Each structure stands twice: as C-alpha cells, then as structure tokens.
Full PDB file with SEQRES, HELIX, SHEET, SSBOND, CRYST1, ORIGX, SCALE, CONECT and MASTER records, all heavy atoms in Angstrom:
SEQRES   1 A   42  ALA PRO TRP GLU VAL GLN PRO GLU SER GLU LEU ALA VAL          
SEQRES   2 A   42  ASP ASP ALA GLN THR HIS PRO TYR ARG VAL SER HIS ALA          
SEQRES   3 A   42  ALA TRP ILE ALA ALA THR GLY LEU LEU GLN GLY TRP VAL          
SEQRES   4 A   42  THR PRO ASP                                                  
HELIX    1 AA1 GLU A   10  GLN A   17  1                                   8    
HELIX    2 AA2 VAL A   23  VAL A   39  1                                  17    
CRYST1    1.000    1.000    1.000  90.00  90.00  90.00 P 1           1          
ORIGX1      1.000000  0.000000  0.000000        0.00000                         
ORIGX2      0.000000  1.000000  0.000000        0.00000                         
ORIGX3      0.000000  0.000000  1.000000        0.00000                         
SCALE1      1.000000  0.000000  0.000000        0.00000                         
SCALE2      0.000000  1.000000  0.000000        0.00000                         
SCALE3      0.000000  0.000000  1.000000        0.00000                         
ATOM      1  N   ALA A   1     127.874  93.120  94.974  1.00  0.00           N  
ATOM      2  CA  ALA A   1     126.801  93.830  94.264  1.00  0.00           C  
ATOM      3  C   ALA A   1     125.989  92.928  93.328  1.00  0.00           C  
ATOM      4  O   ALA A   1     125.937  93.160  92.129  1.00  0.00           O  
ATOM      5  CB  ALA A   1     127.324  95.016  93.539  1.00  0.00           C  
ATOM      6  N   PRO A   2     125.363  91.886  93.837  1.00  0.00           N  
ATOM      7  CA  PRO A   2     124.617  90.953  92.972  1.00  0.00           C  
ATOM      8  C   PRO A   2     123.443  91.640  92.258  1.00  0.00           C  
ATOM      9  O   PRO A   2     122.941  91.103  91.260  1.00  0.00           O  
ATOM     10  CB  PRO A   2     124.161  89.861  93.916  1.00  0.00           C  
ATOM     11  CG  PRO A   2     124.080  90.520  95.206  1.00  0.00           C  
ATOM     12  CD  PRO A   2     125.195  91.534  95.216  1.00  0.00           C  
ATOM     13  N   TRP A   3     122.993  92.748  92.734  1.00  0.00           N  
ATOM     14  CA  TRP A   3     121.882  93.465  92.182  1.00  0.00           C  
ATOM     15  C   TRP A   3     122.261  94.345  90.994  1.00  0.00           C  
ATOM     16  O   TRP A   3     121.388  94.899  90.342  1.00  0.00           O  
ATOM     17  CB  TRP A   3     121.218  94.304  93.237  1.00  0.00           C  
ATOM     18  CG  TRP A   3     122.173  95.227  93.936  1.00  0.00           C  
ATOM     19  CD1 TRP A   3     122.545  96.444  93.551  1.00  0.00           C  
ATOM     20  CD2 TRP A   3     122.965  94.956  95.108  1.00  0.00           C  
ATOM     21  NE1 TRP A   3     123.523  96.990  94.363  1.00  0.00           N  
ATOM     22  CE2 TRP A   3     123.799  96.064  95.330  1.00  0.00           C  
ATOM     23  CE3 TRP A   3     123.053  93.840  95.941  1.00  0.00           C  
ATOM     24  CZ2 TRP A   3     124.699  96.127  96.387  1.00  0.00           C  
ATOM     25  CZ3 TRP A   3     123.920  93.939  96.998  1.00  0.00           C  
ATOM     26  CH2 TRP A   3     124.782  95.037  97.216  1.00  0.00           C  
ATOM     27  N   GLU A   4     123.542  94.479  90.750  1.00  0.00           N  
ATOM     28  CA  GLU A   4     123.964  95.308  89.615  1.00  0.00           C  
ATOM     29  C   GLU A   4     123.719  94.579  88.303  1.00  0.00           C  
ATOM     30  O   GLU A   4     124.057  93.377  88.132  1.00  0.00           O  
ATOM     31  CB  GLU A   4     125.416  95.700  89.716  1.00  0.00           C  
ATOM     32  CG  GLU A   4     125.671  96.742  90.791  1.00  0.00           C  
ATOM     33  CD  GLU A   4     127.084  97.194  90.832  1.00  0.00           C  
ATOM     34  OE1 GLU A   4     127.875  96.871  89.891  1.00  0.00           O  
ATOM     35  OE2 GLU A   4     127.421  97.879  91.807  1.00  0.00           O  
ATOM     36  N   VAL A   5     123.174  95.250  87.341  1.00  0.00           N  
ATOM     37  CA  VAL A   5     122.908  94.655  86.041  1.00  0.00           C  
ATOM     38  C   VAL A   5     124.163  94.609  85.249  1.00  0.00           C  
ATOM     39  O   VAL A   5     125.000  95.484  85.227  1.00  0.00           O  
ATOM     40  CB  VAL A   5     121.883  95.561  85.253  1.00  0.00           C  
ATOM     41  CG1 VAL A   5     121.648  95.037  83.862  1.00  0.00           C  
ATOM     42  CG2 VAL A   5     120.594  95.623  86.030  1.00  0.00           C  
ATOM     43  N   GLN A   6     124.424  93.411  84.639  1.00  0.00           N  
ATOM     44  CA  GLN A   6     125.601  93.175  83.862  1.00  0.00           C  
ATOM     45  C   GLN A   6     125.451  93.908  82.501  1.00  0.00           C  
ATOM     46  O   GLN A   6     124.408  93.805  81.850  1.00  0.00           O  
ATOM     47  CB  GLN A   6     125.813  91.681  83.591  1.00  0.00           C  
ATOM     48  CG  GLN A   6     125.972  90.879  84.879  1.00  0.00           C  
ATOM     49  CD  GLN A   6     127.233  91.342  85.671  1.00  0.00           C  
ATOM     50  OE1 GLN A   6     128.305  91.449  85.107  1.00  0.00           O  
ATOM     51  NE2 GLN A   6     127.047  91.582  86.938  1.00  0.00           N  
ATOM     52  N   PRO A   7     126.483  94.611  82.106  1.00  0.00           N  
ATOM     53  CA  PRO A   7     126.438  95.272  80.776  1.00  0.00           C  
ATOM     54  C   PRO A   7     126.133  94.269  79.689  1.00  0.00           C  
ATOM     55  O   PRO A   7     126.560  93.117  79.753  1.00  0.00           O  
ATOM     56  CB  PRO A   7     127.842  95.858  80.621  1.00  0.00           C  
ATOM     57  CG  PRO A   7     128.390  95.895  81.983  1.00  0.00           C  
ATOM     58  CD  PRO A   7     127.776  94.803  82.747  1.00  0.00           C  
ATOM     59  N   GLU A   8     125.406  94.685  78.691  1.00  0.00           N  
ATOM     60  CA  GLU A   8     125.031  93.845  77.579  1.00  0.00           C  
ATOM     61  C   GLU A   8     124.051  92.727  77.918  1.00  0.00           C  
ATOM     62  O   GLU A   8     123.683  91.922  77.018  1.00  0.00           O  
ATOM     63  CB  GLU A   8     126.284  93.213  76.889  1.00  0.00           C  
ATOM     64  CG  GLU A   8     127.397  94.197  76.544  1.00  0.00           C  
ATOM     65  CD  GLU A   8     126.916  95.285  75.544  1.00  0.00           C  
ATOM     66  OE1 GLU A   8     126.121  94.970  74.613  1.00  0.00           O  
ATOM     67  OE2 GLU A   8     127.373  96.377  75.691  1.00  0.00           O  
ATOM     68  N   SER A   9     123.544  92.637  79.144  1.00  0.00           N  
ATOM     69  CA  SER A   9     122.575  91.622  79.462  1.00  0.00           C  
ATOM     70  C   SER A   9     121.201  92.078  78.962  1.00  0.00           C  
ATOM     71  O   SER A   9     120.975  93.272  78.638  1.00  0.00           O  
ATOM     72  CB  SER A   9     122.503  91.409  80.984  1.00  0.00           C  
ATOM     73  OG  SER A   9     121.950  92.535  81.612  1.00  0.00           O  
ATOM     74  N   GLU A  10     120.237  91.155  78.970  1.00  0.00           N  
ATOM     75  CA  GLU A  10     118.848  91.539  78.566  1.00  0.00           C  
ATOM     76  C   GLU A  10     118.260  92.570  79.484  1.00  0.00           C  
ATOM     77  O   GLU A  10     117.546  93.422  79.016  1.00  0.00           O  
ATOM     78  CB  GLU A  10     118.013  90.246  78.513  1.00  0.00           C  
ATOM     79  CG  GLU A  10     118.395  89.297  77.397  1.00  0.00           C  
ATOM     80  CD  GLU A  10     117.535  88.081  77.379  1.00  0.00           C  
ATOM     81  OE1 GLU A  10     116.412  88.050  77.968  1.00  0.00           O  
ATOM     82  OE2 GLU A  10     117.982  87.091  76.767  1.00  0.00           O  
ATOM     83  N   LEU A  11     118.583  92.517  80.750  1.00  0.00           N  
ATOM     84  CA  LEU A  11     118.047  93.521  81.704  1.00  0.00           C  
ATOM     85  C   LEU A  11     118.712  94.856  81.394  1.00  0.00           C  
ATOM     86  O   LEU A  11     118.024  95.877  81.551  1.00  0.00           O  
ATOM     87  CB  LEU A  11     118.341  93.090  83.136  1.00  0.00           C  
ATOM     88  CG  LEU A  11     117.399  92.074  83.747  1.00  0.00           C  
ATOM     89  CD1 LEU A  11     117.786  91.650  85.101  1.00  0.00           C  
ATOM     90  CD2 LEU A  11     115.922  92.537  83.724  1.00  0.00           C  
ATOM     91  N   ALA A  12     119.967  94.930  81.029  1.00  0.00           N  
ATOM     92  CA  ALA A  12     120.566  96.200  80.711  1.00  0.00           C  
ATOM     93  C   ALA A  12     119.924  96.803  79.460  1.00  0.00           C  
ATOM     94  O   ALA A  12     119.695  98.013  79.460  1.00  0.00           O  
ATOM     95  CB  ALA A  12     122.060  95.971  80.407  1.00  0.00           C  
ATOM     96  N   VAL A  13     119.580  95.995  78.495  1.00  0.00           N  
ATOM     97  CA  VAL A  13     118.885  96.502  77.331  1.00  0.00           C  
ATOM     98  C   VAL A  13     117.500  97.036  77.734  1.00  0.00           C  
ATOM     99  O   VAL A  13     117.109  98.090  77.326  1.00  0.00           O  
ATOM    100  CB  VAL A  13     118.728  95.377  76.258  1.00  0.00           C  
ATOM    101  CG1 VAL A  13     117.843  95.833  75.115  1.00  0.00           C  
ATOM    102  CG2 VAL A  13     120.119  94.964  75.735  1.00  0.00           C  
ATOM    103  N   ASP A  14     116.788  96.283  78.569  1.00  0.00           N  
ATOM    104  CA  ASP A  14     115.453  96.742  79.035  1.00  0.00           C  
ATOM    105  C   ASP A  14     115.604  97.997  79.803  1.00  0.00           C  
ATOM    106  O   ASP A  14     114.770  98.922  79.638  1.00  0.00           O  
ATOM    107  CB  ASP A  14     114.805  95.656  79.900  1.00  0.00           C  
ATOM    108  CG  ASP A  14     114.370  94.393  79.182  1.00  0.00           C  
ATOM    109  OD1 ASP A  14     114.295  94.497  77.928  1.00  0.00           O  
ATOM    110  OD2 ASP A  14     114.163  93.360  79.763  1.00  0.00           O  
ATOM    111  N   ASP A  15     116.591  98.108  80.685  1.00  0.00           N  
ATOM    112  CA  ASP A  15     116.801  99.366  81.463  1.00  0.00           C  
ATOM    113  C   ASP A  15     117.023 100.531  80.534  1.00  0.00           C  
ATOM    114  O   ASP A  15     116.547 101.664  80.755  1.00  0.00           O  
ATOM    115  CB  ASP A  15     117.906  99.196  82.463  1.00  0.00           C  
ATOM    116  CG  ASP A  15     117.518  98.433  83.700  1.00  0.00           C  
ATOM    117  OD1 ASP A  15     116.328  98.140  83.880  1.00  0.00           O  
ATOM    118  OD2 ASP A  15     118.478  98.133  84.523  1.00  0.00           O  
ATOM    119  N   ALA A  16     117.819 100.367  79.488  1.00  0.00           N  
ATOM    120  CA  ALA A  16     118.133 101.413  78.538  1.00  0.00           C  
ATOM    121  C   ALA A  16     116.865 101.820  77.828  1.00  0.00           C  
ATOM    122  O   ALA A  16     116.643 103.034  77.596  1.00  0.00           O  
ATOM    123  CB  ALA A  16     119.210 100.952  77.520  1.00  0.00           C  
ATOM    124  N   GLN A  17     116.013 100.874  77.479  1.00  0.00           N  
ATOM    125  CA  GLN A  17     114.754 101.220  76.770  1.00  0.00           C  
ATOM    126  C   GLN A  17     113.700 101.887  77.638  1.00  0.00           C  
ATOM    127  O   GLN A  17     112.864 102.589  77.134  1.00  0.00           O  
ATOM    128  CB  GLN A  17     114.207  99.974  76.112  1.00  0.00           C  
ATOM    129  CG  GLN A  17     115.026  99.452  74.997  1.00  0.00           C  
ATOM    130  CD  GLN A  17     114.506  98.133  74.429  1.00  0.00           C  
ATOM    131  OE1 GLN A  17     113.685  97.477  75.026  1.00  0.00           O  
ATOM    132  NE2 GLN A  17     115.045  97.752  73.253  1.00  0.00           N  
ATOM    133  N   THR A  18     113.772 101.658  78.923  1.00  0.00           N  
ATOM    134  CA  THR A  18     112.774 102.219  79.853  1.00  0.00           C  
ATOM    135  C   THR A  18     113.363 103.394  80.687  1.00  0.00           C  
ATOM    136  O   THR A  18     112.679 103.790  81.663  1.00  0.00           O  
ATOM    137  CB  THR A  18     112.230 101.163  80.825  1.00  0.00           C  
ATOM    138  OG1 THR A  18     113.314 100.588  81.582  1.00  0.00           O  
ATOM    139  CG2 THR A  18     111.497 100.053  80.013  1.00  0.00           C  
ATOM    140  N   HIS A  19     114.542 103.852  80.314  1.00  0.00           N  
ATOM    141  CA  HIS A  19     115.142 104.984  81.065  1.00  0.00           C  
ATOM    142  C   HIS A  19     114.197 106.132  81.168  1.00  0.00           C  
ATOM    143  O   HIS A  19     113.521 106.442  80.192  1.00  0.00           O  
ATOM    144  CB  HIS A  19     116.460 105.385  80.352  1.00  0.00           C  
ATOM    145  CG  HIS A  19     117.153 106.502  81.065  1.00  0.00           C  
ATOM    146  ND1 HIS A  19     117.842 106.300  82.236  1.00  0.00           N  
ATOM    147  CD2 HIS A  19     117.258 107.820  80.810  1.00  0.00           C  
ATOM    148  CE1 HIS A  19     118.344 107.454  82.656  1.00  0.00           C  
ATOM    149  NE2 HIS A  19     117.948 108.378  81.797  1.00  0.00           N  
ATOM    150  N   PRO A  20     113.986 106.780  82.276  1.00  0.00           N  
ATOM    151  CA  PRO A  20     114.783 106.713  83.502  1.00  0.00           C  
ATOM    152  C   PRO A  20     114.330 105.643  84.494  1.00  0.00           C  
ATOM    153  O   PRO A  20     114.874 105.551  85.581  1.00  0.00           O  
ATOM    154  CB  PRO A  20     114.591 108.108  84.111  1.00  0.00           C  
ATOM    155  CG  PRO A  20     113.146 108.439  83.731  1.00  0.00           C  
ATOM    156  CD  PRO A  20     112.976 107.834  82.359  1.00  0.00           C  
ATOM    157  N   TYR A  21     113.410 104.797  84.079  1.00  0.00           N  
ATOM    158  CA  TYR A  21     112.938 103.729  84.964  1.00  0.00           C  
ATOM    159  C   TYR A  21     113.762 102.479  84.738  1.00  0.00           C  
ATOM    160  O   TYR A  21     114.292 102.309  83.636  1.00  0.00           O  
ATOM    161  CB  TYR A  21     111.455 103.442  84.750  1.00  0.00           C  
ATOM    162  CG  TYR A  21     110.631 104.711  84.845  1.00  0.00           C  
ATOM    163  CD1 TYR A  21     110.125 105.330  83.739  1.00  0.00           C  
ATOM    164  CD2 TYR A  21     110.361 105.219  86.113  1.00  0.00           C  
ATOM    165  CE1 TYR A  21     109.446 106.507  83.843  1.00  0.00           C  
ATOM    166  CE2 TYR A  21     109.629 106.389  86.250  1.00  0.00           C  
ATOM    167  CZ  TYR A  21     109.165 107.051  85.093  1.00  0.00           C  
ATOM    168  OH  TYR A  21     108.449 108.173  85.221  1.00  0.00           O  
ATOM    169  N   ARG A  22     113.871 101.622  85.729  1.00  0.00           N  
ATOM    170  CA  ARG A  22     114.682 100.395  85.579  1.00  0.00           C  
ATOM    171  C   ARG A  22     113.821  99.168  85.791  1.00  0.00           C  
ATOM    172  O   ARG A  22     113.314  98.903  86.908  1.00  0.00           O  
ATOM    173  CB  ARG A  22     115.816 100.410  86.579  1.00  0.00           C  
ATOM    174  CG  ARG A  22     116.854 101.459  86.260  1.00  0.00           C  
ATOM    175  CD  ARG A  22     118.044 101.347  87.166  1.00  0.00           C  
ATOM    176  NE  ARG A  22     119.048 102.292  86.765  1.00  0.00           N  
ATOM    177  CZ  ARG A  22     120.204 102.368  87.348  1.00  0.00           C  
ATOM    178  NH1 ARG A  22     120.524 101.555  88.349  1.00  0.00           N  
ATOM    179  NH2 ARG A  22     121.072 103.223  86.966  1.00  0.00           N  
ATOM    180  N   VAL A  23     113.694  98.370  84.777  1.00  0.00           N  
ATOM    181  CA  VAL A  23     112.999  97.126  84.816  1.00  0.00           C  
ATOM    182  C   VAL A  23     113.784  96.193  85.691  1.00  0.00           C  
ATOM    183  O   VAL A  23     113.178  95.346  86.437  1.00  0.00           O  
ATOM    184  CB  VAL A  23     112.903  96.519  83.421  1.00  0.00           C  
ATOM    185  CG1 VAL A  23     112.251  95.120  83.448  1.00  0.00           C  
ATOM    186  CG2 VAL A  23     112.066  97.436  82.541  1.00  0.00           C  
ATOM    187  N   SER A  24     115.100  96.282  85.758  1.00  0.00           N  
ATOM    188  CA  SER A  24     115.928  95.415  86.560  1.00  0.00           C  
ATOM    189  C   SER A  24     115.571  95.448  88.033  1.00  0.00           C  
ATOM    190  O   SER A  24     115.689  94.464  88.743  1.00  0.00           O  
ATOM    191  CB  SER A  24     117.407  95.724  86.343  1.00  0.00           C  
ATOM    192  OG  SER A  24     117.718  97.028  86.739  1.00  0.00           O  
ATOM    193  N   HIS A  25     115.146  96.607  88.520  1.00  0.00           N  
ATOM    194  CA  HIS A  25     114.775  96.682  89.938  1.00  0.00           C  
ATOM    195  C   HIS A  25     113.544  95.825  90.228  1.00  0.00           C  
ATOM    196  O   HIS A  25     113.475  95.146  91.236  1.00  0.00           O  
ATOM    197  CB  HIS A  25     114.426  98.154  90.325  1.00  0.00           C  
ATOM    198  CG  HIS A  25     115.682  98.993  90.452  1.00  0.00           C  
ATOM    199  ND1 HIS A  25     115.612 100.409  90.369  1.00  0.00           N  
ATOM    200  CD2 HIS A  25     117.005  98.695  90.550  1.00  0.00           C  
ATOM    201  CE1 HIS A  25     116.830 100.883  90.517  1.00  0.00           C  
ATOM    202  NE2 HIS A  25     117.660  99.871  90.597  1.00  0.00           N  
ATOM    203  N   ALA A  26     112.603  95.828  89.329  1.00  0.00           N  
ATOM    204  CA  ALA A  26     111.425  94.948  89.497  1.00  0.00           C  
ATOM    205  C   ALA A  26     111.818  93.500  89.424  1.00  0.00           C  
ATOM    206  O   ALA A  26     111.297  92.682  90.220  1.00  0.00           O  
ATOM    207  CB  ALA A  26     110.400  95.265  88.406  1.00  0.00           C  
ATOM    208  N   ALA A  27     112.726  93.147  88.566  1.00  0.00           N  
ATOM    209  CA  ALA A  27     113.160  91.750  88.509  1.00  0.00           C  
ATOM    210  C   ALA A  27     113.885  91.375  89.793  1.00  0.00           C  
ATOM    211  O   ALA A  27     113.738  90.275  90.284  1.00  0.00           O  
ATOM    212  CB  ALA A  27     114.114  91.559  87.281  1.00  0.00           C  
ATOM    213  N   TRP A  28     114.739  92.268  90.311  1.00  0.00           N  
ATOM    214  CA  TRP A  28     115.457  91.973  91.514  1.00  0.00           C  
ATOM    215  C   TRP A  28     114.475  91.754  92.721  1.00  0.00           C  
ATOM    216  O   TRP A  28     114.627  90.879  93.486  1.00  0.00           O  
ATOM    217  CB  TRP A  28     116.433  93.092  91.872  1.00  0.00           C  
ATOM    218  CG  TRP A  28     117.159  92.841  93.130  1.00  0.00           C  
ATOM    219  CD1 TRP A  28     116.998  93.512  94.324  1.00  0.00           C  
ATOM    220  CD2 TRP A  28     118.135  91.883  93.393  1.00  0.00           C  
ATOM    221  NE1 TRP A  28     117.795  92.993  95.300  1.00  0.00           N  
ATOM    222  CE2 TRP A  28     118.515  92.012  94.783  1.00  0.00           C  
ATOM    223  CE3 TRP A  28     118.748  90.871  92.631  1.00  0.00           C  
ATOM    224  CZ2 TRP A  28     119.488  91.195  95.358  1.00  0.00           C  
ATOM    225  CZ3 TRP A  28     119.726  90.086  93.182  1.00  0.00           C  
ATOM    226  CH2 TRP A  28     120.069  90.235  94.534  1.00  0.00           C  
ATOM    227  N   ILE A  29     113.471  92.658  92.793  1.00  0.00           N  
ATOM    228  CA  ILE A  29     112.452  92.511  93.892  1.00  0.00           C  
ATOM    229  C   ILE A  29     111.685  91.205  93.710  1.00  0.00           C  
ATOM    230  O   ILE A  29     111.449  90.519  94.671  1.00  0.00           O  
ATOM    231  CB  ILE A  29     111.514  93.749  93.839  1.00  0.00           C  
ATOM    232  CG1 ILE A  29     112.280  94.985  94.275  1.00  0.00           C  
ATOM    233  CG2 ILE A  29     110.285  93.520  94.731  1.00  0.00           C  
ATOM    234  CD1 ILE A  29     111.515  96.295  94.019  1.00  0.00           C  
ATOM    235  N   ALA A  30     111.305  90.827  92.486  1.00  0.00           N  
ATOM    236  CA  ALA A  30     110.595  89.590  92.277  1.00  0.00           C  
ATOM    237  C   ALA A  30     111.468  88.353  92.636  1.00  0.00           C  
ATOM    238  O   ALA A  30     111.003  87.464  93.313  1.00  0.00           O  
ATOM    239  CB  ALA A  30     110.145  89.499  90.810  1.00  0.00           C  
ATOM    240  N   ALA A  31     112.714  88.409  92.284  1.00  0.00           N  
ATOM    241  CA  ALA A  31     113.637  87.336  92.598  1.00  0.00           C  
ATOM    242  C   ALA A  31     113.846  87.221  94.111  1.00  0.00           C  
ATOM    243  O   ALA A  31     113.849  86.093  94.672  1.00  0.00           O  
ATOM    244  CB  ALA A  31     114.942  87.475  91.880  1.00  0.00           C  
ATOM    245  N   THR A  32     113.990  88.336  94.781  1.00  0.00           N  
ATOM    246  CA  THR A  32     114.151  88.358  96.221  1.00  0.00           C  
ATOM    247  C   THR A  32     112.940  87.781  96.920  1.00  0.00           C  
ATOM    248  O   THR A  32     113.014  86.992  97.870  1.00  0.00           O  
ATOM    249  CB  THR A  32     114.521  89.739  96.739  1.00  0.00           C  
ATOM    250  OG1 THR A  32     115.726  90.175  96.100  1.00  0.00           O  
ATOM    251  CG2 THR A  32     114.738  89.751  98.241  1.00  0.00           C  
ATOM    252  N   GLY A  33     111.766  88.211  96.418  1.00  0.00           N  
ATOM    253  CA  GLY A  33     110.513  87.711  96.981  1.00  0.00           C  
ATOM    254  C   GLY A  33     110.382  86.209  96.781  1.00  0.00           C  
ATOM    255  O   GLY A  33     109.885  85.467  97.677  1.00  0.00           O  
ATOM    256  N   LEU A  34     110.739  85.756  95.609  1.00  0.00           N  
ATOM    257  CA  LEU A  34     110.701  84.307  95.315  1.00  0.00           C  
ATOM    258  C   LEU A  34     111.617  83.546  96.253  1.00  0.00           C  
ATOM    259  O   LEU A  34     111.229  82.500  96.868  1.00  0.00           O  
ATOM    260  CB  LEU A  34     111.099  84.051  93.846  1.00  0.00           C  
ATOM    261  CG  LEU A  34     111.228  82.588  93.447  1.00  0.00           C  
ATOM    262  CD1 LEU A  34     109.811  81.983  93.431  1.00  0.00           C  
ATOM    263  CD2 LEU A  34     111.861  82.453  92.068  1.00  0.00           C  
ATOM    264  N   LEU A  35     112.800  84.045  96.450  1.00  0.00           N  
ATOM    265  CA  LEU A  35     113.765  83.395  97.392  1.00  0.00           C  
ATOM    266  C   LEU A  35     113.211  83.437  98.806  1.00  0.00           C  
ATOM    267  O   LEU A  35     113.339  82.479  99.559  1.00  0.00           O  
ATOM    268  CB  LEU A  35     115.110  84.059  97.344  1.00  0.00           C  
ATOM    269  CG  LEU A  35     115.968  83.725  96.136  1.00  0.00           C  
ATOM    270  CD1 LEU A  35     117.206  84.603  96.082  1.00  0.00           C  
ATOM    271  CD2 LEU A  35     116.307  82.285  96.090  1.00  0.00           C  
ATOM    272  N   GLN A  36     112.583  84.505  99.195  1.00  0.00           N  
ATOM    273  CA  GLN A  36     112.043  84.598 100.536  1.00  0.00           C  
ATOM    274  C   GLN A  36     110.897  83.585 100.730  1.00  0.00           C  
ATOM    275  O   GLN A  36     110.798  82.926 101.751  1.00  0.00           O  
ATOM    276  CB  GLN A  36     111.455  85.954 100.811  1.00  0.00           C  
ATOM    277  CG  GLN A  36     110.934  86.132 102.212  1.00  0.00           C  
ATOM    278  CD  GLN A  36     110.438  87.528 102.496  1.00  0.00           C  
ATOM    279  OE1 GLN A  36     110.455  88.402 101.620  1.00  0.00           O  
ATOM    280  NE2 GLN A  36     110.012  87.743 103.707  1.00  0.00           N  
ATOM    281  N   GLY A  37     110.097  83.376  99.662  1.00  0.00           N  
ATOM    282  CA  GLY A  37     109.058  82.382  99.733  1.00  0.00           C  
ATOM    283  C   GLY A  37     109.683  80.950  99.842  1.00  0.00           C  
ATOM    284  O   GLY A  37     109.113  80.081 100.476  1.00  0.00           O  
ATOM    285  N   TRP A  38     110.787  80.752  99.223  1.00  0.00           N  
ATOM    286  CA  TRP A  38     111.470  79.437  99.256  1.00  0.00           C  
ATOM    287  C   TRP A  38     112.041  79.220 100.644  1.00  0.00           C  
ATOM    288  O   TRP A  38     111.958  78.131 101.199  1.00  0.00           O  
ATOM    289  CB  TRP A  38     112.574  79.426  98.203  1.00  0.00           C  
ATOM    290  CG  TRP A  38     113.484  78.243  98.357  1.00  0.00           C  
ATOM    291  CD1 TRP A  38     113.217  76.975  98.034  1.00  0.00           C  
ATOM    292  CD2 TRP A  38     114.830  78.288  98.846  1.00  0.00           C  
ATOM    293  NE1 TRP A  38     114.332  76.191  98.295  1.00  0.00           N  
ATOM    294  CE2 TRP A  38     115.309  76.917  98.787  1.00  0.00           C  
ATOM    295  CE3 TRP A  38     115.673  79.270  99.290  1.00  0.00           C  
ATOM    296  CZ2 TRP A  38     116.584  76.640  99.183  1.00  0.00           C  
ATOM    297  CZ3 TRP A  38     116.925  78.946  99.713  1.00  0.00           C  
ATOM    298  CH2 TRP A  38     117.361  77.606  99.646  1.00  0.00           C  
ATOM    299  N   VAL A  39     112.624  80.272 101.220  1.00  0.00           N  
ATOM    300  CA  VAL A  39     113.266  80.169 102.512  1.00  0.00           C  
ATOM    301  C   VAL A  39     112.231  80.082 103.661  1.00  0.00           C  
ATOM    302  O   VAL A  39     112.390  79.279 104.590  1.00  0.00           O  
ATOM    303  CB  VAL A  39     114.191  81.388 102.784  1.00  0.00           C  
ATOM    304  CG1 VAL A  39     114.681  81.390 104.180  1.00  0.00           C  
ATOM    305  CG2 VAL A  39     115.364  81.349 101.841  1.00  0.00           C  
ATOM    306  N   THR A  40     111.185  80.825 103.595  1.00  0.00           N  
ATOM    307  CA  THR A  40     110.183  80.868 104.637  1.00  0.00           C  
ATOM    308  C   THR A  40     108.801  80.577 104.034  1.00  0.00           C  
ATOM    309  O   THR A  40     107.943  81.486 104.045  1.00  0.00           O  
ATOM    310  CB  THR A  40     110.222  82.193 105.383  1.00  0.00           C  
ATOM    311  OG1 THR A  40     109.979  83.256 104.409  1.00  0.00           O  
ATOM    312  CG2 THR A  40     111.463  82.421 106.133  1.00  0.00           C  
ATOM    313  N   PRO A  41     108.519  79.391 103.541  1.00  0.00           N  
ATOM    314  CA  PRO A  41     107.253  79.164 102.860  1.00  0.00           C  
ATOM    315  C   PRO A  41     106.059  79.329 103.721  1.00  0.00           C  
ATOM    316  O   PRO A  41     104.960  79.679 103.244  1.00  0.00           O  
ATOM    317  CB  PRO A  41     107.359  77.653 102.379  1.00  0.00           C  
ATOM    318  CG  PRO A  41     108.418  77.117 103.289  1.00  0.00           C  
ATOM    319  CD  PRO A  41     109.362  78.230 103.622  1.00  0.00           C  
ATOM    320  N   ASP A  42     106.171  79.163 105.010  1.00  0.00           N  
ATOM    321  CA  ASP A  42     105.019  79.343 105.942  1.00  0.00           C  
ATOM    322  C   ASP A  42     104.615  80.878 106.027  1.00  0.00           C  
ATOM    323  O   ASP A  42     103.493  81.171 106.410  1.00  0.00           O  
ATOM    324  CB  ASP A  42     105.350  78.817 107.331  1.00  0.00           C  
ATOM    325  CG  ASP A  42     105.500  77.317 107.298  1.00  0.00           C  
ATOM    326  OD1 ASP A  42     105.025  76.643 106.353  1.00  0.00           O  
ATOM    327  OD2 ASP A  42     106.131  76.792 108.247  1.00  0.00           O  
TER     328      ASP A  42                                                      
MASTER        0    0    0    2    0    0    0    6  327    1    0    4          
END                                                                             
C-alpha cells in the first residue's frame, strides 16, 4: 500500500485540514504521472 499516507506525515496533516477531501490523492497522482514521464518520456 505505497499510496497510504503515513500517520503524522505532512500529507496526513494536509488531509486532516482539507477533510473530506484528500490532498494526498493529488500528490499520489502527480508522483505517478512524474514516474510515467520518466519511464516513457516519448
């Protein structure tokens, strides 16, 4: 479950402040997109 936010992390704090929305989901999507660009730059 690499996408799970670690308790006490900055993303956990952000998620708590933006509840019911999760900032961590946007960060996960951005990181996945970045990795995809690294893997398949073309």
